[in-house]
N, C-alpha and C. Protein backbone atom coordinates (compact mmCIF):
# COMPACT_ATOMS: atom_id res chain seq x y z
N MET A 1 -4.31 -13.10 32.44
CA MET A 1 -4.13 -12.77 31.04
C MET A 1 -4.25 -14.04 30.22
N SER A 2 -5.01 -13.97 29.17
CA SER A 2 -5.23 -15.16 28.34
C SER A 2 -3.99 -15.48 27.51
N ASP A 3 -3.94 -16.72 27.03
CA ASP A 3 -2.81 -17.15 26.20
C ASP A 3 -2.71 -16.31 24.93
N LYS A 4 -3.88 -15.97 24.36
CA LYS A 4 -3.88 -15.17 23.13
C LYS A 4 -3.34 -13.78 23.41
N THR A 5 -3.72 -13.20 24.53
CA THR A 5 -3.25 -11.87 24.90
C THR A 5 -1.74 -11.90 25.15
N GLN A 6 -1.27 -12.93 25.84
CA GLN A 6 0.17 -13.06 26.08
C GLN A 6 0.93 -13.26 24.78
N ALA A 7 0.40 -14.06 23.90
CA ALA A 7 1.05 -14.30 22.61
C ALA A 7 1.13 -13.02 21.80
N ASP A 8 0.05 -12.22 21.82
CA ASP A 8 0.03 -10.95 21.11
C ASP A 8 1.04 -9.99 21.71
N LEU A 9 1.10 -9.93 23.02
CA LEU A 9 2.06 -9.06 23.71
C LEU A 9 3.49 -9.45 23.36
N LEU A 10 3.79 -10.74 23.38
CA LEU A 10 5.12 -11.22 23.04
C LEU A 10 5.47 -10.90 21.59
N ARG A 11 4.53 -11.08 20.69
CA ARG A 11 4.76 -10.77 19.27
C ARG A 11 5.07 -9.29 19.10
N ARG A 12 4.30 -8.43 19.76
CA ARG A 12 4.53 -6.98 19.67
C ARG A 12 5.88 -6.60 20.25
N LEU A 13 6.27 -7.23 21.34
CA LEU A 13 7.56 -6.95 21.95
C LEU A 13 8.70 -7.38 21.04
N GLU A 14 8.58 -8.57 20.46
CA GLU A 14 9.60 -9.05 19.52
C GLU A 14 9.73 -8.12 18.32
N GLU A 15 8.61 -7.65 17.80
CA GLU A 15 8.64 -6.73 16.67
C GLU A 15 9.30 -5.41 17.05
N ALA A 16 9.00 -4.92 18.24
CA ALA A 16 9.59 -3.65 18.70
C ALA A 16 11.10 -3.79 18.86
N VAL A 17 11.55 -4.90 19.42
CA VAL A 17 13.00 -5.12 19.59
C VAL A 17 13.66 -5.28 18.23
N ALA A 18 13.02 -5.99 17.33
CA ALA A 18 13.59 -6.20 15.99
C ALA A 18 13.69 -4.89 15.21
N ALA A 19 12.82 -3.93 15.51
CA ALA A 19 12.83 -2.65 14.80
C ALA A 19 13.90 -1.69 15.30
N MET A 20 14.56 -2.03 16.41
CA MET A 20 15.61 -1.16 16.94
C MET A 20 16.82 -1.18 16.02
N PRO A 21 17.59 -0.08 16.01
CA PRO A 21 18.87 -0.12 15.30
C PRO A 21 19.74 -1.24 15.89
N ALA A 22 20.59 -1.83 15.09
CA ALA A 22 21.36 -3.01 15.49
C ALA A 22 22.15 -2.80 16.78
N LYS A 23 22.89 -1.70 16.90
CA LYS A 23 23.72 -1.47 18.09
C LYS A 23 22.83 -1.31 19.33
N GLN A 24 21.73 -0.60 19.18
CA GLN A 24 20.81 -0.40 20.30
C GLN A 24 20.20 -1.74 20.74
N ARG A 25 19.83 -2.56 19.78
CA ARG A 25 19.28 -3.88 20.07
C ARG A 25 20.32 -4.75 20.79
N GLU A 26 21.56 -4.70 20.30
CA GLU A 26 22.64 -5.47 20.92
C GLU A 26 22.82 -5.06 22.39
N ILE A 27 22.81 -3.77 22.65
CA ILE A 27 22.99 -3.26 24.01
C ILE A 27 21.80 -3.65 24.88
N PHE A 28 20.60 -3.46 24.37
CA PHE A 28 19.40 -3.79 25.13
C PHE A 28 19.37 -5.26 25.51
N LEU A 29 19.62 -6.13 24.54
CA LEU A 29 19.57 -7.57 24.81
C LEU A 29 20.71 -8.02 25.72
N ALA A 30 21.88 -7.42 25.58
CA ALA A 30 22.99 -7.77 26.46
C ALA A 30 22.65 -7.44 27.91
N HIS A 31 22.02 -6.30 28.11
CA HIS A 31 21.68 -5.89 29.48
C HIS A 31 20.50 -6.68 30.03
N ARG A 32 19.44 -6.80 29.24
CA ARG A 32 18.21 -7.42 29.74
C ARG A 32 18.23 -8.94 29.71
N LEU A 33 18.84 -9.53 28.72
CA LEU A 33 18.84 -11.00 28.62
C LEU A 33 20.12 -11.63 29.16
N ASP A 34 21.26 -11.01 28.87
CA ASP A 34 22.53 -11.58 29.31
C ASP A 34 22.96 -11.05 30.68
N ASP A 35 22.18 -10.10 31.23
CA ASP A 35 22.42 -9.54 32.56
C ASP A 35 23.81 -8.91 32.68
N MET A 36 24.27 -8.29 31.59
CA MET A 36 25.56 -7.62 31.60
C MET A 36 25.41 -6.22 32.17
N THR A 37 26.45 -5.74 32.85
CA THR A 37 26.44 -4.38 33.37
C THR A 37 26.73 -3.41 32.22
N TYR A 38 26.44 -2.13 32.46
CA TYR A 38 26.75 -1.13 31.44
C TYR A 38 28.25 -1.09 31.17
N ALA A 39 29.06 -1.25 32.20
CA ALA A 39 30.52 -1.25 32.02
C ALA A 39 30.96 -2.43 31.15
N GLU A 40 30.38 -3.60 31.37
CA GLU A 40 30.72 -4.76 30.55
C GLU A 40 30.31 -4.55 29.10
N ILE A 41 29.13 -3.98 28.91
CA ILE A 41 28.65 -3.72 27.55
C ILE A 41 29.54 -2.68 26.87
N ALA A 42 29.92 -1.65 27.62
CA ALA A 42 30.80 -0.61 27.07
C ALA A 42 32.12 -1.22 26.61
N SER A 43 32.68 -2.09 27.42
CA SER A 43 33.94 -2.74 27.08
C SER A 43 33.78 -3.61 25.83
N ARG A 44 32.67 -4.32 25.74
CA ARG A 44 32.43 -5.22 24.62
C ARG A 44 32.17 -4.47 23.31
N THR A 45 31.51 -3.31 23.41
CA THR A 45 31.12 -2.58 22.20
C THR A 45 32.08 -1.47 21.82
N GLY A 46 32.97 -1.09 22.73
CA GLY A 46 33.87 0.02 22.46
C GLY A 46 33.25 1.38 22.70
N LEU A 47 32.08 1.41 23.31
CA LEU A 47 31.42 2.66 23.65
C LEU A 47 31.76 3.05 25.08
N SER A 48 31.45 4.29 25.45
CA SER A 48 31.61 4.70 26.84
C SER A 48 30.39 4.21 27.62
N VAL A 49 30.53 4.17 28.93
CA VAL A 49 29.40 3.77 29.78
C VAL A 49 28.24 4.75 29.56
N ARG A 50 28.54 6.02 29.43
CA ARG A 50 27.49 7.03 29.21
C ARG A 50 26.74 6.77 27.91
N GLN A 51 27.46 6.39 26.86
CA GLN A 51 26.80 6.08 25.59
C GLN A 51 25.90 4.86 25.72
N VAL A 52 26.33 3.87 26.49
CA VAL A 52 25.51 2.69 26.73
C VAL A 52 24.25 3.09 27.49
N GLU A 53 24.40 3.94 28.49
CA GLU A 53 23.24 4.43 29.25
C GLU A 53 22.24 5.12 28.33
N ARG A 54 22.75 5.96 27.45
CA ARG A 54 21.86 6.68 26.52
C ARG A 54 21.13 5.71 25.58
N GLN A 55 21.86 4.73 25.07
CA GLN A 55 21.25 3.75 24.18
C GLN A 55 20.17 2.95 24.89
N MET A 56 20.42 2.58 26.14
CA MET A 56 19.41 1.85 26.91
C MET A 56 18.18 2.72 27.16
N ALA A 57 18.39 3.97 27.50
CA ALA A 57 17.27 4.88 27.73
C ALA A 57 16.42 5.02 26.47
N ARG A 58 17.08 5.17 25.34
CA ARG A 58 16.36 5.28 24.06
C ARG A 58 15.61 4.00 23.74
N ALA A 59 16.24 2.86 23.99
CA ALA A 59 15.61 1.57 23.71
C ALA A 59 14.36 1.38 24.56
N VAL A 60 14.46 1.68 25.83
CA VAL A 60 13.30 1.53 26.73
C VAL A 60 12.20 2.49 26.33
N TYR A 61 12.55 3.73 26.00
CA TYR A 61 11.56 4.71 25.56
C TYR A 61 10.82 4.21 24.32
N LYS A 62 11.57 3.73 23.34
CA LYS A 62 10.95 3.24 22.10
C LYS A 62 10.05 2.04 22.37
N LEU A 63 10.51 1.13 23.21
CA LEU A 63 9.68 -0.03 23.54
C LEU A 63 8.38 0.39 24.21
N CYS A 64 8.47 1.29 25.15
CA CYS A 64 7.26 1.75 25.85
C CYS A 64 6.28 2.40 24.88
N LYS A 65 6.78 3.25 23.99
CA LYS A 65 5.91 3.92 23.03
C LYS A 65 5.27 2.90 22.08
N GLN A 66 6.07 1.97 21.56
CA GLN A 66 5.52 1.01 20.62
C GLN A 66 4.54 0.05 21.30
N MET A 67 4.81 -0.32 22.52
CA MET A 67 3.91 -1.24 23.22
C MET A 67 2.59 -0.57 23.56
N ASP A 68 2.60 0.77 23.63
CA ASP A 68 1.36 1.52 23.86
C ASP A 68 0.63 1.80 22.55
N GLY A 69 1.17 1.29 21.45
CA GLY A 69 0.49 1.43 20.16
C GLY A 69 0.87 2.65 19.38
N HIS A 70 1.93 3.34 19.76
CA HIS A 70 2.38 4.52 19.02
C HIS A 70 3.55 4.13 18.12
N PRO A 71 3.33 4.11 16.82
CA PRO A 71 4.44 3.76 15.92
C PRO A 71 5.53 4.81 15.97
N LEU A 72 6.76 4.40 15.89
CA LEU A 72 7.90 5.31 15.86
C LEU A 72 8.47 5.32 14.47
N ASN A 73 8.87 6.47 14.01
CA ASN A 73 9.46 6.60 12.68
C ASN A 73 10.94 6.81 12.79
């Protein structure tokens, strides 16, 4: 993959993450970047583990759709 292609991919990913609702973004980044478990995130955010799971599923779904070029409203 060329540097330009990687740079474009990274830019699109950053834009997709930035477009997430704040709580969803916080949960996604805590899990993917900070390597926190769902239980740890639930404790930190005051949500249930199930709510964290749902937010992660929605975040991943939105990222996949946006990275494939489908804008989400």
